[in-house]
Amino acid sequence: MYKINRLFRLLVLVTVILALPATTASAALVRCRLDPIFVLSNGDIVNVTVDIGTDPAQVTNIHYVLHVPAGVTVKEVIHTGRGLRIHETTRVYQDSPAGGYLSDTVVSTRSPAGTVPVTAYVRLNGVPVQSIFGYNGQNLILTVSR
């Protein structure tokens, strides 16, 4: 009787396991990418691209600081990620040497600082120039020049 009871339980267990739906786990990283474009009074165009290794809903703020040469002003800032509902701030300082630009980007997320991978890229007049890898909460600083 004991053997029949054991076999019955084993049969029920196998049936339950086979009846459960098969699910797969995905460890894919969702990327969020934003690209503000700074159109400057001297004709230069500086594009700062931020590639963030998390879902856009997890991003709370992105702060962009652009240092430009004295006398150069920003005519327009074009935000390409408008539909993402991410708070972006920009600030411009006129304190770089002639022909030089410095970009400082900080990404804030709901995750603890230093846990979300972030890559910042700077393009000057459409030519990819520099990139830097870091994490949320860090200042990602890039310098480019003509």
Protein backbone atom coordinates (compact mmCIF):
# COMPACT_ATOMS: atom_id res chain seq x y z
CA MET A 1 0.00 0.00 0.00
CA TYR A 2 2.85 2.37 0.83
CA LYS A 3 4.41 1.92 -2.64
CA ILE A 4 1.12 2.61 -4.41
CA ASN A 5 0.61 5.77 -2.35
CA ARG A 6 4.13 6.97 -3.22
CA LEU A 7 3.63 6.28 -6.92
CA PHE A 8 0.30 8.10 -6.87
CA ARG A 9 1.88 11.18 -5.25
CA LEU A 10 4.72 11.13 -7.77
CA LEU A 11 2.25 10.91 -10.63
CA VAL A 12 0.27 13.88 -9.25
CA LEU A 13 3.46 15.90 -8.82
CA VAL A 14 4.62 15.23 -12.38
CA THR A 15 1.16 16.09 -13.73
CA VAL A 16 1.11 19.41 -11.83
CA ILE A 17 4.61 20.34 -13.03
CA LEU A 18 3.76 19.56 -16.66
CA ALA A 19 0.46 21.44 -16.41
CA LEU A 20 2.06 24.68 -15.20
CA PRO A 21 2.69 27.23 -17.95
CA ALA A 22 6.29 27.56 -18.99
CA THR A 23 7.62 31.06 -18.36
CA THR A 24 10.90 32.58 -19.35
CA ALA A 25 12.88 35.16 -17.45
CA SER A 26 14.35 38.10 -19.29
CA ALA A 27 17.38 39.91 -18.04
CA ALA A 28 17.39 42.36 -20.93
CA LEU A 29 18.24 45.92 -19.99
CA VAL A 30 15.78 48.54 -21.19
CA ARG A 31 17.49 51.61 -22.56
CA CYS A 32 16.33 55.20 -22.36
CA ARG A 33 18.01 57.66 -24.71
CA LEU A 34 17.67 61.43 -24.76
CA ASP A 35 19.41 63.93 -27.00
CA PRO A 36 19.24 67.68 -26.27
CA ILE A 37 20.65 69.78 -29.09
CA PHE A 38 22.22 73.17 -28.32
CA VAL A 39 22.14 75.59 -31.26
CA LEU A 40 24.71 78.32 -30.59
CA SER A 41 25.04 81.91 -31.79
CA ASN A 42 28.41 81.22 -33.46
CA GLY A 43 26.84 78.56 -35.73
CA ASP A 44 28.11 75.56 -33.77
CA ILE A 45 25.69 72.80 -32.79
CA VAL A 46 26.42 70.74 -29.70
CA ASN A 47 24.44 67.54 -29.24
CA VAL A 48 24.61 65.74 -25.88
CA THR A 49 23.30 62.18 -25.99
CA VAL A 50 22.65 60.25 -22.80
CA ASP A 51 22.14 56.50 -22.93
CA ILE A 52 20.63 55.30 -19.64
CA GLY A 53 20.45 51.64 -18.70
CA THR A 54 16.98 51.66 -17.19
CA ASP A 55 13.34 52.16 -18.02
CA PRO A 56 12.43 55.83 -18.65
CA ALA A 57 9.91 55.66 -15.78
CA GLN A 58 12.84 55.19 -13.38
CA VAL A 59 14.60 58.42 -14.46
CA THR A 60 13.69 61.37 -12.23
CA ASN A 61 15.92 64.14 -13.63
CA ILE A 62 18.69 64.82 -16.10
CA HIS A 63 20.74 67.95 -15.59
CA TYR A 64 22.85 69.23 -18.49
CA VAL A 65 25.47 71.95 -18.07
CA LEU A 66 27.23 73.28 -21.15
CA HIS A 67 30.25 75.56 -20.88
CA VAL A 68 30.73 77.67 -24.04
CA PRO A 69 33.30 80.32 -25.04
CA ALA A 70 32.80 83.90 -23.85
CA GLY A 71 30.37 85.81 -26.05
CA VAL A 72 28.67 82.68 -27.38
CA THR A 73 25.00 82.34 -26.50
CA VAL A 74 22.44 79.59 -26.94
CA LYS A 75 19.90 80.42 -29.63
CA GLU A 76 17.82 77.32 -29.03
CA VAL A 77 17.77 74.05 -27.07
CA ILE A 78 15.90 71.24 -28.79
CA HIS A 79 14.78 68.41 -26.49
CA THR A 80 14.23 65.24 -28.52
CA GLY A 81 12.79 63.13 -25.68
CA ARG A 82 9.64 65.20 -25.10
CA GLY A 83 7.16 62.32 -24.89
CA LEU A 84 9.11 60.56 -22.14
CA ARG A 85 7.98 62.82 -19.26
CA ILE A 86 11.47 63.13 -17.85
CA HIS A 87 12.39 66.37 -16.13
CA GLU A 88 15.39 67.87 -17.92
CA THR A 89 17.22 71.02 -16.94
CA THR A 90 19.87 72.89 -18.88
CA ARG A 91 22.32 75.54 -17.81
CA VAL A 92 24.92 77.35 -19.92
CA TYR A 93 28.05 79.15 -18.71
CA GLN A 94 30.25 81.36 -20.89
CA ASP A 95 33.61 80.36 -19.42
CA SER A 96 35.32 78.00 -21.91
CA PRO A 97 38.33 78.90 -24.06
CA ALA A 98 37.67 79.93 -27.68
CA GLY A 99 36.49 76.97 -29.77
CA GLY A 100 36.14 74.74 -26.70
CA TYR A 101 33.10 73.25 -25.04
CA LEU A 102 32.64 71.33 -21.81
CA SER A 103 29.56 69.21 -21.13
CA ASP A 104 28.65 68.08 -17.60
CA THR A 105 25.67 65.72 -17.32
CA VAL A 106 24.11 64.21 -14.20
CA VAL A 107 21.34 61.59 -14.40
CA SER A 108 19.16 60.99 -11.34
CA THR A 109 17.02 57.86 -11.02
CA ARG A 110 14.81 56.17 -8.47
CA SER A 111 17.59 53.59 -8.00
CA PRO A 112 20.42 54.25 -5.53
CA ALA A 113 23.29 56.37 -6.91
CA GLY A 114 25.95 54.38 -8.69
CA THR A 115 23.70 51.48 -9.72
CA VAL A 116 22.37 52.44 -13.17
CA PRO A 117 24.84 52.54 -16.09
CA VAL A 118 24.92 55.80 -18.06
CA THR A 119 26.92 56.74 -21.15
CA ALA A 120 27.15 60.35 -22.33
CA TYR A 121 28.22 61.33 -25.84
CA VAL A 122 28.97 64.79 -27.22
CA ARG A 123 28.81 65.67 -30.90
CA LEU A 124 30.12 68.98 -32.16
CA ASN A 125 28.60 69.99 -35.50
CA GLY A 126 27.36 66.45 -36.15
CA VAL A 127 30.72 64.72 -35.70
CA PRO A 128 30.86 62.22 -32.80
CA VAL A 129 33.72 63.40 -30.67
CA GLN A 130 33.75 62.01 -27.14
CA SER A 131 31.98 59.56 -24.89
CA ILE A 132 32.19 58.72 -21.20
CA PHE A 133 30.74 55.88 -19.17
CA GLY A 134 29.57 56.21 -15.58
CA TYR A 135 26.57 55.70 -13.33
CA ASN A 136 23.52 57.59 -12.12
CA GLY A 137 24.38 60.39 -9.71
CA GLN A 138 27.85 60.94 -11.20
CA ASN A 139 29.02 64.01 -13.13
CA LEU A 140 29.81 62.82 -16.66
CA ILE A 141 32.21 65.47 -17.97
CA LEU A 142 33.38 65.73 -21.59
CA THR A 143 35.49 68.38 -23.30
CA VAL A 144 35.40 68.96 -27.07
CA SER A 145 36.87 71.59 -29.36
CA ARG A 146 36.84 72.64 -33.00
